[in-house]
Amino acid sequence: MIIEKQLYTIDDVWEMTQDPDNEHIFIELIDGELITMTRPGNTHGLLATEIAVYLRLFNMTHNIGQVTVESGYHPPGYRYTLLGPDIAFTRYDRMPEPQPDKFVPAMPDLAVEVLSPSDTLAEAPRKAEVYLLNGTALVWLVQPEHRGVEICRLINGTQLQIEFVSHDGSLSGENILPGFELEVKKIFAVIRD
């Protein structure tokens, strides 16, 4: 007997997200494989909001792109991968025109993922690599448990480089958001111990 594995597309995911029974589930797709997640907890939401606010305030002054939260992005022309970063920044010159109503057919320049207790440290770099291999330039993996952020980039277009920035360090917008700086301790200031 031959068992075929079903490959899903972004169209399948869009249809699933329209079903009211799935309203509490986030669905992503990597190479046709469905990845489902439940809604995140309060700490996750606080950290994501804090980062989104800093990015939005910077962009309101510089007006170079758009900041989104939990929007779906897929590589242009490839319908088998769909990621929904907690926060994303995409420069206007990389955004498709007209603005899409559904999933964005481009990967963001910056993807930010806030790790939840259910995320494993092995899964996060894999997801970062998927972003980077499909057009994202920079990924921030926010680690609430360690009060720090892993910065992920590709070296020579293929090798994943991860740099941990602790509570006392700061994040840079690099060439994506020139002039943007965010102290890591400001992100975590919203958490009351």
Protein backbone atom coordinates (compact mmCIF):
# COMPACT_ATOMS: atom_id res chain seq x y z
CA MET A 1 0.00 0.00 0.00
CA ILE A 2 1.28 3.47 -0.89
CA ILE A 3 0.30 6.30 1.41
CA GLU A 4 0.57 9.73 -0.11
CA LYS A 5 1.21 12.69 2.10
CA GLN A 6 -1.10 15.58 1.30
CA LEU A 7 0.58 18.85 0.42
CA TYR A 8 -1.36 21.95 1.37
CA THR A 9 -1.24 25.34 -0.36
CA ILE A 10 -1.86 28.87 0.82
CA ASP A 11 -5.34 28.60 -0.74
CA ASP A 12 -6.11 25.64 1.54
CA VAL A 13 -4.92 27.61 4.55
CA TRP A 14 -7.02 30.65 3.58
CA GLU A 15 -10.08 28.43 3.35
CA MET A 16 -9.30 26.88 6.76
CA THR A 17 -8.92 30.29 8.38
CA GLN A 18 -12.38 31.29 7.19
CA ASP A 19 -13.97 28.39 9.11
CA PRO A 20 -15.35 29.63 12.48
CA ASP A 21 -14.28 26.33 14.06
CA ASN A 22 -10.66 27.40 13.48
CA GLU A 23 -10.90 30.88 15.00
CA HIS A 24 -8.61 29.98 17.91
CA ILE A 25 -5.97 28.31 15.75
CA PHE A 26 -3.10 29.90 13.87
CA ILE A 27 -2.09 27.97 10.77
CA GLU A 28 1.23 28.18 8.97
CA LEU A 29 2.67 26.15 6.14
CA ILE A 30 6.23 25.03 5.37
CA ASP A 31 6.76 23.20 2.08
CA GLY A 32 3.15 22.00 2.05
CA GLU A 33 3.13 20.76 5.66
CA LEU A 34 0.54 22.31 7.98
CA ILE A 35 1.70 23.74 11.29
CA THR A 36 -1.03 24.63 13.75
CA MET A 37 -0.67 26.68 16.90
CA THR A 38 -3.08 27.83 19.56
CA ARG A 39 -3.41 31.45 20.48
CA PRO A 40 -0.47 32.68 22.55
CA GLY A 41 -0.57 33.75 26.19
CA ASN A 42 -0.44 37.15 27.83
CA THR A 43 3.36 37.49 28.09
CA HIS A 44 3.68 36.72 24.40
CA GLY A 45 1.11 39.39 23.55
CA LEU A 46 2.71 42.01 25.79
CA LEU A 47 6.15 41.52 24.22
CA ALA A 48 4.82 41.47 20.66
CA THR A 49 2.83 44.65 21.25
CA GLU A 50 5.82 46.41 22.76
CA ILE A 51 8.06 45.64 19.78
CA ALA A 52 5.33 46.52 17.27
CA VAL A 53 4.83 49.91 18.94
CA TYR A 54 8.55 50.79 18.76
CA LEU A 55 8.71 49.74 15.09
CA ARG A 56 5.51 51.64 14.25
CA LEU A 57 6.68 54.83 15.99
CA PHE A 58 9.98 54.70 14.10
CA ASN A 59 8.17 54.13 10.83
CA MET A 60 5.72 56.96 11.45
CA THR A 61 8.70 59.32 11.38
CA HIS A 62 10.56 57.70 8.48
CA ASN A 63 7.66 56.27 6.41
CA ILE A 64 9.72 53.60 4.64
CA GLY A 65 7.48 50.58 4.98
CA GLN A 66 4.69 48.89 6.86
CA VAL A 67 4.50 47.15 10.22
CA THR A 68 2.07 44.26 10.61
CA VAL A 69 1.14 41.81 13.34
CA GLU A 70 0.20 38.19 12.67
CA SER A 71 -0.29 38.71 8.92
CA GLY A 72 0.46 35.87 6.52
CA TYR A 73 3.44 36.10 4.15
CA HIS A 74 4.51 33.69 1.42
CA PRO A 75 7.34 33.65 -1.11
CA PRO A 76 6.19 35.10 -4.44
CA GLY A 77 5.21 32.36 -6.85
CA TYR A 78 5.49 29.62 -4.22
CA ARG A 79 2.18 28.49 -2.74
CA TYR A 80 3.44 25.85 -0.30
CA THR A 81 5.00 28.06 2.39
CA LEU A 82 3.10 30.57 4.51
CA LEU A 83 4.41 32.14 7.69
CA GLY A 84 2.69 34.49 10.09
CA PRO A 85 5.31 36.40 12.06
CA ASP A 86 4.20 37.94 15.33
CA ILE A 87 5.50 41.25 13.96
CA ALA A 88 6.81 42.05 10.51
CA PHE A 89 8.30 45.03 8.75
CA THR A 90 8.33 45.26 4.97
CA ARG A 91 9.80 48.14 3.02
CA TYR A 92 7.39 49.81 0.60
CA ASP A 93 9.67 49.11 -2.36
CA ARG A 94 9.22 45.36 -1.73
CA MET A 95 5.45 45.42 -1.18
CA PRO A 96 3.25 44.26 -4.04
CA GLU A 97 0.87 46.76 -5.57
CA PRO A 98 -2.00 46.94 -5.05
CA GLN A 99 -1.95 46.07 -1.36
CA PRO A 100 -3.18 42.47 -0.96
CA ASP A 101 -6.32 41.79 1.08
CA LYS A 102 -5.29 38.22 1.80
CA PHE A 103 -1.80 36.84 2.39
CA VAL A 104 1.15 38.96 1.26
CA PRO A 105 3.01 37.47 -1.75
CA ALA A 106 6.40 38.60 -0.41
CA MET A 107 8.41 37.78 2.66
CA PRO A 108 8.95 40.62 5.14
CA ASP A 109 12.32 42.32 5.44
CA LEU A 110 12.22 41.81 9.22
CA ALA A 111 10.30 38.98 10.90
CA VAL A 112 9.90 38.92 14.68
CA GLU A 113 8.84 35.77 16.50
CA VAL A 114 8.13 35.79 20.23
CA LEU A 115 8.80 32.30 21.51
CA SER A 116 6.04 30.69 23.53
CA PRO A 117 6.58 28.02 26.18
CA SER A 118 5.43 25.42 23.63
CA ASP A 119 8.15 26.44 21.13
CA THR A 120 11.34 24.44 21.29
CA LEU A 121 14.73 26.05 20.83
CA ALA A 122 15.30 23.70 17.88
CA GLU A 123 12.10 24.72 16.04
CA ALA A 124 12.76 28.46 16.20
CA PRO A 125 16.04 28.47 14.20
CA ARG A 126 14.43 26.19 11.60
CA LYS A 127 11.62 28.67 11.14
CA ALA A 128 14.10 31.57 11.03
CA GLU A 129 15.99 29.77 8.29
CA VAL A 130 12.79 29.32 6.27
CA TYR A 131 12.18 33.08 6.48
CA LEU A 132 15.75 33.91 5.49
CA LEU A 133 15.99 31.42 2.61
CA ASN A 134 12.79 32.89 1.16
CA GLY A 135 13.70 36.57 1.13
CA THR A 136 13.63 37.89 4.70
CA ALA A 137 16.84 39.72 5.59
CA LEU A 138 16.63 39.66 9.38
CA VAL A 139 14.80 37.58 12.01
CA TRP A 140 14.49 38.37 15.70
CA LEU A 141 13.59 35.45 17.98
CA VAL A 142 12.45 36.92 21.28
CA GLN A 143 13.11 34.60 24.21
CA PRO A 144 11.02 35.58 27.24
CA GLU A 145 12.56 32.86 29.40
CA HIS A 146 16.08 34.20 28.82
CA ARG A 147 15.14 37.89 28.60
CA GLY A 148 17.00 38.23 25.34
CA VAL A 149 16.70 38.11 21.57
CA GLU A 150 18.42 35.93 19.00
CA ILE A 151 19.27 37.81 15.82
CA CYS A 152 19.29 35.51 12.79
CA ARG A 153 20.90 36.28 9.42
CA LEU A 154 22.20 34.30 6.48
CA ILE A 155 25.92 34.40 5.76
CA ASN A 156 26.87 33.94 2.10
CA GLY A 157 23.21 33.32 1.32
CA THR A 158 23.14 29.84 2.86
CA GLN A 159 24.64 29.61 6.35
CA LEU A 160 22.46 30.54 9.32
CA GLN A 161 24.18 32.86 11.79
CA ILE A 162 22.59 33.39 15.22
CA GLU A 163 23.70 36.07 17.65
CA PHE A 164 22.18 36.31 21.14
CA VAL A 165 21.56 39.80 22.49
CA SER A 166 21.03 39.87 26.23
CA HIS A 167 18.88 42.10 28.40
CA ASP A 168 21.62 44.76 28.48
CA GLY A 169 22.11 44.86 24.70
CA SER A 170 20.19 46.53 21.89
CA LEU A 171 18.67 45.62 18.56
CA SER A 172 19.52 47.46 15.37
CA GLY A 173 17.40 47.91 12.27
CA GLU A 174 20.61 47.42 10.30
CA ASN A 175 20.11 48.34 6.60
CA ILE A 176 16.39 47.49 6.75
CA LEU A 177 15.49 50.23 9.23
CA PRO A 178 18.54 52.53 9.18
CA GLY A 179 18.85 54.40 12.46
CA PHE A 180 16.47 52.16 14.41
CA GLU A 181 17.79 51.06 17.82
CA LEU A 182 15.85 49.30 20.56
CA GLU A 183 17.26 48.41 23.95
CA VAL A 184 16.28 44.83 24.82
CA LYS A 185 15.46 45.82 28.42
CA LYS A 186 12.72 48.15 27.08
CA ILE A 187 10.99 45.17 25.48
CA PHE A 188 10.94 43.23 28.73
CA ALA A 189 10.00 46.21 30.93
CA VAL A 190 6.31 45.36 30.38
CA ILE A 191 6.64 42.06 32.24
CA ARG A 192 5.93 42.35 35.95
CA ASP A 193 7.63 39.69 38.00
